[in-house]
Amino acid sequence: MVKQTSVKNQTQELVNAIVEAVDDKKGENIVSLDLRKLDNAVCQYFIVCNANSTTQVGAIADGVSDKVLEKTGEKPWHSEGYDNCLWVLLDYGDVVLHVFQTEQREFYKLEDLWADAKRVKHG
């Protein structure tokens, strides 16, 4: 039981570090989706935010990578989207961050695809 609590606390620390880093870089509309109770979820949490320029999308993703490494010692397992910074994904295993340029977020409506997930708005 202690190990499960420890893993749960580590996941929550990761979520908190990501949300804090996104907020530090002025990410907008920060939402976390708790996917733990959904069948076939690819991870435990999605964190979604947006920014108004590709430069800021890249800066948010870089800021998250730096802060998460500093606070938790974790590096993303995988990242995508740095080529054009319209939608950057950082995959930390249990937590996946999606940083969208505003128009891309409105187009893809990722949160709507996971409408059954518990949603928490941050900031």
PDB file of N, CA and C in Angstrom:
ATOM      1  N   MET A   1       0.824  -1.206   0.000  1.00  0.00           N
ATOM      2  CA  MET A   1       0.000   0.000   0.000  1.00  0.00           C
ATOM      3  C   MET A   1       0.859   1.258   0.000  1.00  0.00           C
ATOM      4  N   VAL A   2       1.965   1.232   0.691  1.00  0.00           N
ATOM      5  CA  VAL A   2       2.828   2.404   0.749  1.00  0.00           C
ATOM      6  C   VAL A   2       3.344   2.736  -0.645  1.00  0.00           C
ATOM      7  N   LYS A   3       3.670   1.719  -1.431  1.00  0.00           N
ATOM      8  CA  LYS A   3       4.199   1.956  -2.768  1.00  0.00           C
ATOM      9  C   LYS A   3       3.148   2.649  -3.644  1.00  0.00           C
ATOM     10  N   GLN A   4       1.878   2.231  -3.570  1.00  0.00           N
ATOM     11  CA  GLN A   4       0.828   2.859  -4.373  1.00  0.00           C
ATOM     12  C   GLN A   4       0.659   4.321  -3.996  1.00  0.00           C
ATOM     13  N   THR A   5       0.655   4.620  -2.716  1.00  0.00           N
ATOM     14  CA  THR A   5       0.535   6.001  -2.268  1.00  0.00           C
ATOM     15  C   THR A   5       1.717   6.811  -2.775  1.00  0.00           C
ATOM     16  N   SER A   6       2.900   6.230  -2.721  1.00  0.00           N
ATOM     17  CA  SER A   6       4.090   6.916  -3.183  1.00  0.00           C
ATOM     18  C   SER A   6       3.985   7.242  -4.675  1.00  0.00           C
ATOM     19  N   VAL A   7       3.536   6.282  -5.482  1.00  0.00           N
ATOM     20  CA  VAL A   7       3.374   6.507  -6.915  1.00  0.00           C
ATOM     21  C   VAL A   7       2.306   7.560  -7.160  1.00  0.00           C
ATOM     22  N   LYS A   8       1.209   7.495  -6.407  1.00  0.00           N
ATOM     23  CA  LYS A   8       0.137   8.481  -6.548  1.00  0.00           C
ATOM     24  C   LYS A   8       0.659   9.880  -6.216  1.00  0.00           C
ATOM     25  N   ASN A   9       1.434   9.990  -5.142  1.00  0.00           N
ATOM     26  CA  ASN A   9       2.011  11.281  -4.762  1.00  0.00           C
ATOM     27  C   ASN A   9       2.989  11.777  -5.822  1.00  0.00           C
ATOM     28  N   GLN A  10       3.788  10.879  -6.399  1.00  0.00           N
ATOM     29  CA  GLN A  10       4.727  11.272  -7.450  1.00  0.00           C
ATOM     30  C   GLN A  10       3.979  11.797  -8.672  1.00  0.00           C
ATOM     31  N   THR A  11       2.893  11.145  -9.021  1.00  0.00           N
ATOM     32  CA  THR A  11       2.096  11.595 -10.165  1.00  0.00           C
ATOM     33  C   THR A  11       1.497  12.963  -9.880  1.00  0.00           C
ATOM     34  N   GLN A  12       0.990  13.168  -8.673  1.00  0.00           N
ATOM     35  CA  GLN A  12       0.414  14.471  -8.335  1.00  0.00           C
ATOM     36  C   GLN A  12       1.491  15.555  -8.304  1.00  0.00           C
ATOM     37  N   GLU A  13       2.678  15.226  -7.821  1.00  0.00           N
ATOM     38  CA  GLU A  13       3.792  16.184  -7.844  1.00  0.00           C
ATOM     39  C   GLU A  13       4.143  16.562  -9.277  1.00  0.00           C
ATOM     40  N   LEU A  14       4.104  15.588 -10.166  1.00  0.00           N
ATOM     41  CA  LEU A  14       4.377  15.840 -11.576  1.00  0.00           C
ATOM     42  C   LEU A  14       3.321  16.758 -12.176  1.00  0.00           C
ATOM     43  N   VAL A  15       2.049  16.472 -11.910  1.00  0.00           N
ATOM     44  CA  VAL A  15       0.962  17.337 -12.381  1.00  0.00           C
ATOM     45  C   VAL A  15       1.164  18.750 -11.866  1.00  0.00           C
ATOM     46  N   ASN A  16       1.441  18.890 -10.579  1.00  0.00           N
ATOM     47  CA  ASN A  16       1.629  20.217  -9.976  1.00  0.00           C
ATOM     48  C   ASN A  16       2.806  20.967 -10.601  1.00  0.00           C
ATOM     49  N   ALA A  17       3.914  20.269 -10.830  1.00  0.00           N
ATOM     50  CA  ALA A  17       5.093  20.906 -11.420  1.00  0.00           C
ATOM     51  C   ALA A  17       4.797  21.373 -12.849  1.00  0.00           C
ATOM     52  N   ILE A  18       4.077  20.561 -13.614  1.00  0.00           N
ATOM     53  CA  ILE A  18       3.729  20.937 -14.990  1.00  0.00           C
ATOM     54  C   ILE A  18       2.818  22.144 -14.997  1.00  0.00           C
ATOM     55  N   VAL A  19       1.770  22.123 -14.172  1.00  0.00           N
ATOM     56  CA  VAL A  19       0.827  23.248 -14.124  1.00  0.00           C
ATOM     57  C   VAL A  19       1.550  24.523 -13.701  1.00  0.00           C
ATOM     58  N   GLU A  20       2.413  24.430 -12.711  1.00  0.00           N
ATOM     59  CA  GLU A  20       3.165  25.597 -12.245  1.00  0.00           C
ATOM     60  C   GLU A  20       4.055  26.158 -13.357  1.00  0.00           C
ATOM     61  N   ALA A  21       4.729  25.272 -14.083  1.00  0.00           N
ATOM     62  CA  ALA A  21       5.622  25.708 -15.159  1.00  0.00           C
ATOM     63  C   ALA A  21       4.842  26.356 -16.297  1.00  0.00           C
ATOM     64  N   VAL A  22       3.694  25.790 -16.651  1.00  0.00           N
ATOM     65  CA  VAL A  22       2.859  26.381 -17.698  1.00  0.00           C
ATOM     66  C   VAL A  22       2.404  27.769 -17.268  1.00  0.00           C
ATOM     67  N   ASP A  23       1.984  27.891 -16.033  1.00  0.00           N
ATOM     68  CA  ASP A  23       1.536  29.185 -15.508  1.00  0.00           C
ATOM     69  C   ASP A  23       2.695  30.195 -15.497  1.00  0.00           C
ATOM     70  N   ASP A  24       3.883  29.746 -15.120  1.00  0.00           N
ATOM     71  CA  ASP A  24       5.062  30.628 -15.110  1.00  0.00           C
ATOM     72  C   ASP A  24       5.337  31.223 -16.491  1.00  0.00           C
ATOM     73  N   LYS A  25       5.064  30.455 -17.538  1.00  0.00           N
ATOM     74  CA  LYS A  25       5.322  30.905 -18.913  1.00  0.00           C
ATOM     75  C   LYS A  25       4.072  31.508 -19.559  1.00  0.00           C
ATOM     76  N   LYS A  26       3.086  31.829 -18.722  1.00  0.00           N
ATOM     77  CA  LYS A  26       1.868  32.517 -19.179  1.00  0.00           C
ATOM     78  C   LYS A  26       1.028  31.694 -20.136  1.00  0.00           C
ATOM     79  N   GLY A  27       1.030  30.356 -19.954  1.00  0.00           N
ATOM     80  CA  GLY A  27       0.122  29.511 -20.714  1.00  0.00           C
ATOM     81  C   GLY A  27      -1.314  29.859 -20.329  1.00  0.00           C
ATOM     82  N   GLU A  28      -2.215  29.748 -21.280  1.00  0.00           N
ATOM     83  CA  GLU A  28      -3.607  30.145 -21.063  1.00  0.00           C
ATOM     84  C   GLU A  28      -4.516  28.926 -20.962  1.00  0.00           C
ATOM     85  N   ASN A  29      -5.626  29.114 -20.269  1.00  0.00           N
ATOM     86  CA  ASN A  29      -6.687  28.100 -20.182  1.00  0.00           C
ATOM     87  C   ASN A  29      -6.126  26.726 -19.793  1.00  0.00           C
ATOM     88  N   ILE A  30      -5.418  26.677 -18.683  1.00  0.00           N
ATOM     89  CA  ILE A  30      -4.778  25.438 -18.227  1.00  0.00           C
ATOM     90  C   ILE A  30      -5.842  24.532 -17.622  1.00  0.00           C
ATOM     91  N   VAL A  31      -5.951  23.329 -18.172  1.00  0.00           N
ATOM     92  CA  VAL A  31      -6.944  22.357 -17.716  1.00  0.00           C
ATOM     93  C   VAL A  31      -6.242  21.020 -17.537  1.00  0.00           C
ATOM     94  N   SER A  32      -6.548  20.331 -16.442  1.00  0.00           N
ATOM     95  CA  SER A  32      -6.086  18.953 -16.304  1.00  0.00           C
ATOM     96  C   SER A  32      -7.296  18.037 -16.388  1.00  0.00           C
ATOM     97  N   LEU A  33      -7.120  16.938 -17.097  1.00  0.00           N
ATOM     98  CA  LEU A  33      -8.161  15.933 -17.257  1.00  0.00           C
ATOM     99  C   LEU A  33      -7.706  14.674 -16.541  1.00  0.00           C
ATOM    100  N   ASP A  34      -8.495  14.236 -15.564  1.00  0.00           N
ATOM    101  CA  ASP A  34      -8.187  13.033 -14.800  1.00  0.00           C
ATOM    102  C   ASP A  34      -8.776  11.844 -15.554  1.00  0.00           C
ATOM    103  N   LEU A  35      -7.915  11.041 -16.156  1.00  0.00           N
ATOM    104  CA  LEU A  35      -8.345   9.924 -16.987  1.00  0.00           C
ATOM    105  C   LEU A  35      -8.328   8.588 -16.248  1.00  0.00           C
ATOM    106  N   ARG A  36      -8.014   8.602 -14.973  1.00  0.00           N
ATOM    107  CA  ARG A  36      -7.790   7.350 -14.237  1.00  0.00           C
ATOM    108  C   ARG A  36      -8.996   6.435 -14.208  1.00  0.00           C
ATOM    109  N   LYS A  37     -10.198   6.957 -14.236  1.00  0.00           N
ATOM    110  CA  LYS A  37     -11.391   6.117 -14.143  1.00  0.00           C
ATOM    111  C   LYS A  37     -11.973   5.754 -15.506  1.00  0.00           C
ATOM    112  N   LEU A  38     -11.297   6.145 -16.571  1.00  0.00           N
ATOM    113  CA  LEU A  38     -11.792   5.870 -17.914  1.00  0.00           C
ATOM    114  C   LEU A  38     -11.125   4.627 -18.492  1.00  0.00           C
ATOM    115  N   ASP A  39     -11.926   3.792 -19.129  1.00  0.00           N
ATOM    116  CA  ASP A  39     -11.382   2.607 -19.786  1.00  0.00           C
ATOM    117  C   ASP A  39     -10.525   3.031 -20.968  1.00  0.00           C
ATOM    118  N   ASN A  40      -9.470   2.302 -21.201  1.00  0.00           N
ATOM    119  CA  ASN A  40      -8.594   2.492 -22.356  1.00  0.00           C
ATOM    120  C   ASN A  40      -7.876   3.840 -22.389  1.00  0.00           C
ATOM    121  N   ALA A  41      -7.751   4.507 -21.258  1.00  0.00           N
ATOM    122  CA  ALA A  41      -6.999   5.765 -21.216  1.00  0.00           C
ATOM    123  C   ALA A  41      -5.515   5.461 -21.416  1.00  0.00           C
ATOM    124  N   VAL A  42      -4.840   6.330 -22.129  1.00  0.00           N
ATOM    125  CA  VAL A  42      -3.429   6.116 -22.441  1.00  0.00           C
ATOM    126  C   VAL A  42      -2.498   6.560 -21.313  1.00  0.00           C
ATOM    127  N   CYS A  43      -3.033   7.319 -20.366  1.00  0.00           N
ATOM    128  CA  CYS A  43      -2.243   7.798 -19.233  1.00  0.00           C
ATOM    129  C   CYS A  43      -3.221   8.153 -18.112  1.00  0.00           C
ATOM    130  N   GLN A  44      -2.693   8.679 -17.002  1.00  0.00           N
ATOM    131  CA  GLN A  44      -3.553   9.055 -15.885  1.00  0.00           C
ATOM    132  C   GLN A  44      -4.107  10.469 -16.028  1.00  0.00           C
ATOM    133  N   TYR A  45      -3.303  11.375 -16.566  1.00  0.00           N
ATOM    134  CA  TYR A  45      -3.719  12.773 -16.700  1.00  0.00           C
ATOM    135  C   TYR A  45      -3.283  13.339 -18.042  1.00  0.00           C
ATOM    136  N   PHE A  46      -4.147  14.148 -18.627  1.00  0.00           N
ATOM    137  CA  PHE A  46      -3.788  15.056 -19.707  1.00  0.00           C
ATOM    138  C   PHE A  46      -3.795  16.445 -19.093  1.00  0.00           C
ATOM    139  N   ILE A  47      -2.816  17.233 -19.433  1.00  0.00           N
ATOM    140  CA  ILE A  47      -2.837  18.661 -19.100  1.00  0.00           C
ATOM    141  C   ILE A  47      -2.820  19.388 -20.439  1.00  0.00           C
ATOM    142  N   VAL A  48      -3.739  20.335 -20.585  1.00  0.00           N
ATOM    143  CA  VAL A  48      -3.915  21.036 -21.845  1.00  0.00           C
ATOM    144  C   VAL A  48      -3.840  22.535 -21.581  1.00  0.00           C
ATOM    145  N   CYS A  49      -3.150  23.246 -22.470  1.00  0.00           N
ATOM    146  CA  CYS A  49      -3.097  24.702 -22.386  1.00  0.00           C
ATOM    147  C   CYS A  49      -2.901  25.246 -23.785  1.00  0.00           C
ATOM    148  N   ASN A  50      -2.949  26.557 -23.907  1.00  0.00           N
ATOM    149  CA  ASN A  50      -2.690  27.168 -25.204  1.00  0.00           C
ATOM    150  C   ASN A  50      -1.917  28.464 -25.038  1.00  0.00           C
ATOM    151  N   ALA A  51      -1.388  28.921 -26.184  1.00  0.00           N
ATOM    152  CA  ALA A  51      -0.636  30.174 -26.263  1.00  0.00           C
ATOM    153  C   ALA A  51      -0.939  30.798 -27.620  1.00  0.00           C
ATOM    154  N   ASN A  52      -0.675  32.084 -27.729  1.00  0.00           N
ATOM    155  CA  ASN A  52      -1.065  32.808 -28.930  1.00  0.00           C
ATOM    156  C   ASN A  52      -0.011  32.851 -30.032  1.00  0.00           C
ATOM    157  N   SER A  53       1.156  32.261 -29.801  1.00  0.00           N
ATOM    158  CA  SER A  53       2.177  32.234 -30.846  1.00  0.00           C
ATOM    159  C   SER A  53       2.965  30.929 -30.757  1.00  0.00           C
ATOM    160  N   THR A  54       3.566  30.567 -31.869  1.00  0.00           N
ATOM    161  CA  THR A  54       4.397  29.366 -31.869  1.00  0.00           C
ATOM    162  C   THR A  54       5.624  29.549 -30.977  1.00  0.00           C
ATOM    163  N   THR A  55       6.118  30.769 -30.892  1.00  0.00           N
ATOM    164  CA  THR A  55       7.256  31.052 -30.013  1.00  0.00           C
ATOM    165  C   THR A  55       6.895  30.755 -28.567  1.00  0.00           C
ATOM    166  N   GLN A  56       5.711  31.184 -28.153  1.00  0.00           N
ATOM    167  CA  GLN A  56       5.291  30.945 -26.777  1.00  0.00           C
ATOM    168  C   GLN A  56       4.989  29.467 -26.531  1.00  0.00           C
ATOM    169  N   VAL A  57       4.428  28.776 -27.523  1.00  0.00           N
ATOM    170  CA  VAL A  57       4.194  27.328 -27.374  1.00  0.00           C
ATOM    171  C   VAL A  57       5.518  26.630 -27.076  1.00  0.00           C
ATOM    172  N   GLY A  58       6.554  26.950 -27.849  1.00  0.00           N
ATOM    173  CA  GLY A  58       7.863  26.350 -27.615  1.00  0.00           C
ATOM    174  C   GLY A  58       8.447  26.733 -26.268  1.00  0.00           C
ATOM    175  N   ALA A  59       8.266  27.992 -25.879  1.00  0.00           N
ATOM    176  CA  ALA A  59       8.786  28.458 -24.588  1.00  0.00           C
ATOM    177  C   ALA A  59       8.089  27.748 -23.421  1.00  0.00           C
ATOM    178  N   ILE A  60       6.791  27.537 -23.539  1.00  0.00           N
ATOM    179  CA  ILE A  60       6.062  26.823 -22.481  1.00  0.00           C
ATOM    180  C   ILE A  60       6.589  25.398 -22.368  1.00  0.00           C
ATOM    181  N   ALA A  61       6.715  24.715 -23.495  1.00  0.00           N
ATOM    182  CA  ALA A  61       7.201  23.330 -23.464  1.00  0.00           C
ATOM    183  C   ALA A  61       8.610  23.260 -22.878  1.00  0.00           C
ATOM    184  N   ASP A  62       9.478  24.177 -23.294  1.00  0.00           N
ATOM    185  CA  ASP A  62      10.842  24.201 -22.737  1.00  0.00           C
ATOM    186  C   ASP A  62      10.827  24.496 -21.245  1.00  0.00           C
ATOM    187  N   GLY A  63       9.984  25.432 -20.827  1.00  0.00           N
ATOM    188  CA  GLY A  63       9.878  25.777 -19.415  1.00  0.00           C
ATOM    189  C   GLY A  63       9.392  24.609 -18.575  1.00  0.00           C
ATOM    190  N   VAL A  64       8.440  23.856 -19.118  1.00  0.00           N
ATOM    191  CA  VAL A  64       7.945  22.672 -18.407  1.00  0.00           C
ATOM    192  C   VAL A  64       9.062  21.640 -18.278  1.00  0.00           C
ATOM    193  N   SER A  65       9.760  21.373 -19.368  1.00  0.00           N
ATOM    194  CA  SER A  65      10.858  20.397 -19.311  1.00  0.00           C
ATOM    195  C   SER A  65      11.877  20.771 -18.246  1.00  0.00           C
ATOM    196  N   ASP A  66      12.250  22.044 -18.213  1.00  0.00           N
ATOM    197  CA  ASP A  66      13.243  22.507 -17.240  1.00  0.00           C
ATOM    198  C   ASP A  66      12.732  22.401 -15.808  1.00  0.00           C
ATOM    199  N   LYS A  67      11.510  22.899 -15.562  1.00  0.00           N
ATOM    200  CA  LYS A  67      10.979  22.917 -14.190  1.00  0.00           C
ATOM    201  C   LYS A  67      10.712  21.510 -13.678  1.00  0.00           C
ATOM    202  N   VAL A  68      10.165  20.644 -14.529  1.00  0.00           N
ATOM    203  CA  VAL A  68       9.890  19.271 -14.095  1.00  0.00           C
ATOM    204  C   VAL A  68      11.195  18.547 -13.771  1.00  0.00           C
ATOM    205  N   LEU A  69      12.215  18.746 -14.588  1.00  0.00           N
ATOM    206  CA  LEU A  69      13.510  18.132 -14.289  1.00  0.00           C
ATOM    207  C   LEU A  69      14.057  18.644 -12.962  1.00  0.00           C
ATOM    208  N   GLU A  70      13.941  19.945 -12.743  1.00  0.00           N
ATOM    209  CA  GLU A  70      14.428  20.554 -11.501  1.00  0.00           C
ATOM    210  C   GLU A  70      13.653  20.054 -10.279  1.00  0.00           C
ATOM    211  N   LYS A  71      12.322  19.986 -10.376  1.00  0.00           N
ATOM    212  CA  LYS A  71      11.499  19.648  -9.215  1.00  0.00           C
ATOM    213  C   LYS A  71      11.356  18.147  -8.966  1.00  0.00           C
ATOM    214  N   THR A  72      11.347  17.343 -10.037  1.00  0.00           N
ATOM    215  CA  THR A  72      11.070  15.913  -9.863  1.00  0.00           C
ATOM    216  C   THR A  72      12.184  15.010 -10.365  1.00  0.00           C
ATOM    217  N   GLY A  73      13.111  15.573 -11.128  1.00  0.00           N
ATOM    218  CA  GLY A  73      14.181  14.766 -11.712  1.00  0.00           C
ATOM    219  C   GLY A  73      13.748  13.986 -12.944  1.00  0.00           C
ATOM    220  N   GLU A  74      12.526  14.208 -13.421  1.00  0.00           N
ATOM    221  CA  GLU A  74      12.001  13.459 -14.568  1.00  0.00           C
ATOM    222  C   GLU A  74      12.184  14.224 -15.870  1.00  0.00           C
ATOM    223  N   LYS A  75      12.474  13.462 -16.910  1.00  0.00           N
ATOM    224  CA  LYS A  75      12.534  13.996 -18.271  1.00  0.00           C
ATOM    225  C   LYS A  75      11.371  13.390 -19.051  1.00  0.00           C
ATOM    226  N   PRO A  76      10.894  14.094 -20.084  1.00  0.00           N
ATOM    227  CA  PRO A  76       9.823  13.499 -20.894  1.00  0.00           C
ATOM    228  C   PRO A  76      10.307  12.205 -21.549  1.00  0.00           C
ATOM    229  N   TRP A  77       9.417  11.218 -21.595  1.00  0.00           N
ATOM    230  CA  TRP A  77       9.742   9.973 -22.279  1.00  0.00           C
ATOM    231  C   TRP A  77       9.760  10.207 -23.784  1.00  0.00           C
ATOM    232  N   HIS A  78       8.895  11.131 -24.206  1.00  0.00           N
ATOM    233  CA  HIS A  78       8.738  11.397 -25.636  1.00  0.00           C
ATOM    234  C   HIS A  78       8.229  12.824 -25.805  1.00  0.00           C
ATOM    235  N   SER A  79       8.617  13.457 -26.890  1.00  0.00           N
ATOM    236  CA  SER A  79       8.063  14.769 -27.216  1.00  0.00           C
ATOM    237  C   SER A  79       7.816  14.839 -28.715  1.00  0.00           C
ATOM    238  N   GLU A  80       6.827  15.631 -29.089  1.00  0.00           N
ATOM    239  CA  GLU A  80       6.478  15.824 -30.495  1.00  0.00           C
ATOM    240  C   GLU A  80       6.043  17.254 -30.706  1.00  0.00           C
ATOM    241  N   GLY A  81       6.209  17.732 -31.931  1.00  0.00           N
ATOM    242  CA  GLY A  81       5.646  19.012 -32.313  1.00  0.00           C
ATOM    243  C   GLY A  81       6.572  20.198 -32.283  1.00  0.00           C
ATOM    244  N   TYR A  82       7.815  19.997 -31.873  1.00  0.00           N
ATOM    245  CA  TYR A  82       8.749  21.120 -31.802  1.00  0.00           C
ATOM    246  C   TYR A  82       9.083  21.686 -33.186  1.00  0.00           C
ATOM    247  N   ASP A  83       8.880  20.899 -34.245  1.00  0.00           N
ATOM    248  CA  ASP A  83       9.218  21.362 -35.598  1.00  0.00           C
ATOM    249  C   ASP A  83       8.457  22.621 -35.985  1.00  0.00           C
ATOM    250  N   ASN A  84       7.159  22.664 -35.652  1.00  0.00           N
ATOM    251  CA  ASN A  84       6.366  23.843 -36.023  1.00  0.00           C
ATOM    252  C   ASN A  84       5.726  24.547 -34.835  1.00  0.00           C
ATOM    253  N   CYS A  85       5.745  23.923 -33.672  1.00  0.00           N
ATOM    254  CA  CYS A  85       5.209  24.491 -32.425  1.00  0.00           C
ATOM    255  C   CYS A  85       3.759  24.952 -32.545  1.00  0.00           C
ATOM    256  N   LEU A  86       2.979  24.231 -33.341  1.00  0.00           N
ATOM    257  CA  LEU A  86       1.532  24.477 -33.357  1.00  0.00           C
ATOM    258  C   LEU A  86       0.861  23.679 -32.246  1.00  0.00           C
ATOM    259  N   TRP A  87       1.427  22.500 -31.955  1.00  0.00           N
ATOM    260  CA  TRP A  87       0.919  21.615 -30.906  1.00  0.00           C
ATOM    261  C   TRP A  87       2.115  20.793 -30.435  1.00  0.00           C
ATOM    262  N   VAL A  88       2.597  21.085 -29.244  1.00  0.00           N
ATOM    263  CA  VAL A  88       3.722  20.337 -28.680  1.00  0.00           C
ATOM    264  C   VAL A  88       3.186  19.402 -27.602  1.00  0.00           C
ATOM    265  N   LEU A  89       3.627  18.169 -27.663  1.00  0.00           N
ATOM    266  CA  LEU A  89       3.229  17.150 -26.702  1.00  0.00           C
ATOM    267  C   LEU A  89       4.468  16.724 -25.927  1.00  0.00           C
ATOM    268  N   LEU A  90       4.357  16.702 -24.607  1.00  0.00           N
ATOM    269  CA  LEU A  90       5.404  16.156 -23.737  1.00  0.00           C
ATOM    270  C   LEU A  90       4.794  14.993 -22.967  1.00  0.00           C
ATOM    271  N   ASP A  91       5.354  13.811 -23.151  1.00  0.00           N
ATOM    272  CA  ASP A  91       4.829  12.592 -22.552  1.00  0.00           C
ATOM    273  C   ASP A  91       5.719  12.180 -21.390  1.00  0.00           C
ATOM    274  N   TYR A  92       5.161  12.237 -20.184  1.00  0.00           N
ATOM    275  CA  TYR A  92       5.877  11.830 -18.978  1.00  0.00           C
ATOM    276  C   TYR A  92       5.390  10.469 -18.468  1.00  0.00           C
ATOM    277  N   GLY A  93       4.756   9.691 -19.317  1.00  0.00           N
ATOM    278  CA  GLY A  93       4.255   8.384 -18.914  1.00  0.00           C
ATOM    279  C   GLY A  93       2.856   8.495 -18.347  1.00  0.00           C
ATOM    280  N   ASP A  94       2.755   8.776 -17.056  1.00  0.00           N
ATOM    281  CA  ASP A  94       1.448   8.904 -16.402  1.00  0.00           C
ATOM    282  C   ASP A  94       0.762  10.230 -16.703  1.00  0.00           C
ATOM    283  N   VAL A  95       1.533  11.213 -17.152  1.00  0.00           N
ATOM    284  CA  VAL A  95       1.009  12.557 -17.422  1.00  0.00           C
ATOM    285  C   VAL A  95       1.484  13.006 -18.794  1.00  0.00           C
ATOM    286  N   VAL A  96       0.550  13.484 -19.608  1.00  0.00           N
ATOM    287  CA  VAL A  96       0.888  13.989 -20.937  1.00  0.00           C
ATOM    288  C   VAL A  96       0.426  15.438 -21.029  1.00  0.00           C
ATOM    289  N   LEU A  97       1.347  16.307 -21.416  1.00  0.00           N
ATOM    290  CA  LEU A  97       1.052  17.721 -21.601  1.00  0.00           C
ATOM    291  C   LEU A  97       0.844  18.011 -23.076  1.00  0.00           C
ATOM    292  N   HIS A  98      -0.227  18.771 -23.379  1.00  0.00           N
ATOM    293  CA  HIS A  98      -0.505  19.240 -24.729  1.00  0.00           C
ATOM    294  C   HIS A  98      -0.483  20.764 -24.690  1.00  0.00           C
ATOM    295  N   VAL A  99       0.465  21.362 -25.416  1.00  0.00           N
ATOM    296  CA  VAL A  99       0.556  22.820 -25.508  1.00  0.00           C
ATOM    297  C   VAL A  99       0.170  23.193 -26.941  1.00  0.00           C
ATOM    298  N   PHE A 100      -0.963  23.851 -27.076  1.00  0.00           N
ATOM    299  CA  PHE A 100      -1.491  24.204 -28.392  1.00  0.00           C
ATOM    300  C   PHE A 100      -1.301  25.677 -28.686  1.00  0.00           C
ATOM    301  N   GLN A 101      -1.128  26.007 -29.956  1.00  0.00           N
ATOM    302  CA  GLN A 101      -1.370  27.374 -30.375  1.00  0.00           C
ATOM    303  C   GLN A 101      -2.896  27.517 -30.324  1.00  0.00           C
ATOM    304  N   THR A 102      -3.398  28.675 -29.941  1.00  0.00           N
ATOM    305  CA  THR A 102      -4.819  28.867 -29.650  1.00  0.00           C
ATOM    306  C   THR A 102      -5.725  28.331 -30.757  1.00  0.00           C
ATOM    307  N   GLU A 103      -5.433  28.648 -32.006  1.00  0.00           N
ATOM    308  CA  GLU A 103      -6.297  28.206 -33.109  1.00  0.00           C
ATOM    309  C   GLU A 103      -6.319  26.687 -33.224  1.00  0.00           C
ATOM    310  N   GLN A 104      -5.207  26.033 -32.956  1.00  0.00           N
ATOM    311  CA  GLN A 104      -5.135  24.578 -33.020  1.00  0.00           C
ATOM    312  C   GLN A 104      -5.984  23.938 -31.916  1.00  0.00           C
ATOM    313  N   ARG A 105      -5.940  24.525 -30.742  1.00  0.00           N
ATOM    314  CA  ARG A 105      -6.741  23.988 -29.643  1.00  0.00           C
ATOM    315  C   ARG A 105      -8.223  24.103 -29.961  1.00  0.00           C
ATOM    316  N   GLU A 106      -8.622  25.227 -30.508  1.00  0.00           N
ATOM    317  CA  GLU A 106     -10.032  25.413 -30.878  1.00  0.00           C
ATOM    318  C   GLU A 106     -10.452  24.439 -31.974  1.00  0.00           C
ATOM    319  N   PHE A 107      -9.553  24.136 -32.889  1.00  0.00           N
ATOM    320  CA  PHE A 107      -9.867  23.228 -33.989  1.00  0.00           C
ATOM    321  C   PHE A 107      -9.981  21.777 -33.507  1.00  0.00           C
ATOM    322  N   TYR A 108      -9.000  21.298 -32.737  1.00  0.00           N
ATOM    323  CA  TYR A 108      -8.964  19.896 -32.335  1.00  0.00           C
ATOM    324  C   TYR A 108      -9.885  19.563 -31.159  1.00  0.00           C
ATOM    325  N   LYS A 109     -10.164  20.529 -30.304  1.00  0.00           N
ATOM    326  CA  LYS A 109     -11.078  20.325 -29.170  1.00  0.00           C
ATOM    327  C   LYS A 109     -10.775  19.024 -28.403  1.00  0.00           C
ATOM    328  N   LEU A 110      -9.521  18.874 -28.023  1.00  0.00           N
ATOM    329  CA  LEU A 110      -9.065  17.656 -27.350  1.00  0.00           C
ATOM    330  C   LEU A 110      -9.878  17.337 -26.099  1.00  0.00           C
ATOM    331  N   GLU A 111     -10.210  18.361 -25.340  1.00  0.00           N
ATOM    332  CA  GLU A 111     -10.977  18.119 -24.107  1.00  0.00           C
ATOM    333  C   GLU A 111     -12.329  17.476 -24.397  1.00  0.00           C
ATOM    334  N   ASP A 112     -12.933  17.819 -25.529  1.00  0.00           N
ATOM    335  CA  ASP A 112     -14.227  17.244 -25.877  1.00  0.00           C
ATOM    336  C   ASP A 112     -14.128  15.751 -26.174  1.00  0.00           C
ATOM    337  N   LEU A 113     -12.969  15.304 -26.653  1.00  0.00           N
ATOM    338  CA  LEU A 113     -12.778  13.875 -26.920  1.00  0.00           C
ATOM    339  C   LEU A 113     -12.747  13.061 -25.629  1.00  0.00           C
ATOM    340  N   TRP A 114     -12.417  13.727 -24.532  1.00  0.00           N
ATOM    341  CA  TRP A 114     -12.348  13.088 -23.216  1.00  0.00           C
ATOM    342  C   TRP A 114     -13.386  13.727 -22.284  1.00  0.00           C
ATOM    343  N   ALA A 115     -14.578  13.907 -22.783  1.00  0.00           N
ATOM    344  CA  ALA A 115     -15.633  14.618 -22.054  1.00  0.00           C
ATOM    345  C   ALA A 115     -16.023  13.932 -20.741  1.00  0.00           C
ATOM    346  N   ASP A 116     -15.793  12.630 -20.638  1.00  0.00           N
ATOM    347  CA  ASP A 116     -16.143  11.903 -19.409  1.00  0.00           C
ATOM    348  C   ASP A 116     -15.101  12.064 -18.306  1.00  0.00           C
ATOM    349  N   ALA A 117     -13.976  12.650 -18.613  1.00  0.00           N
ATOM    350  CA  ALA A 117     -12.906  12.814 -17.620  1.00  0.00           C
ATOM    351  C   ALA A 117     -13.248  13.952 -16.669  1.00  0.00           C
ATOM    352  N   LYS A 118     -12.829  13.779 -15.421  1.00  0.00           N
ATOM    353  CA  LYS A 118     -12.953  14.877 -14.454  1.00  0.00           C
ATOM    354  C   LYS A 118     -12.019  15.990 -14.914  1.00  0.00           C
ATOM    355  N   ARG A 119     -12.545  17.207 -14.962  1.00  0.00           N
ATOM    356  CA  ARG A 119     -11.814  18.358 -15.496  1.00  0.00           C
ATOM    357  C   ARG A 119     -11.551  19.368 -14.383  1.00  0.00           C
ATOM    358  N   VAL A 120     -10.308  19.814 -14.281  1.00  0.00           N
ATOM    359  CA  VAL A 120      -9.943  20.839 -13.302  1.00  0.00           C
ATOM    360  C   VAL A 120      -9.302  21.999 -14.055  1.00  0.00           C
ATOM    361  N   LYS A 121      -9.862  23.186 -13.889  1.00  0.00           N
ATOM    362  CA  LYS A 121      -9.295  24.385 -14.501  1.00  0.00           C
ATOM    363  C   LYS A 121      -8.321  24.997 -13.504  1.00  0.00           C
ATOM    364  N   HIS A 122      -7.124  25.338 -13.984  1.00  0.00           N
ATOM    365  CA  HIS A 122      -6.072  25.902 -13.128  1.00  0.00           C
ATOM    366  C   HIS A 122      -5.865  27.375 -13.495  1.00  0.00           C
ATOM    367  N   GLY A 123      -5.474  28.137 -12.477  1.00  0.00           N
ATOM    368  CA  GLY A 123      -5.103  29.529 -12.707  1.00  0.00           C
ATOM    369  C   GLY A 123      -6.216  30.498 -12.827  1.00  0.00           C
TER     370      GLY A 123
END
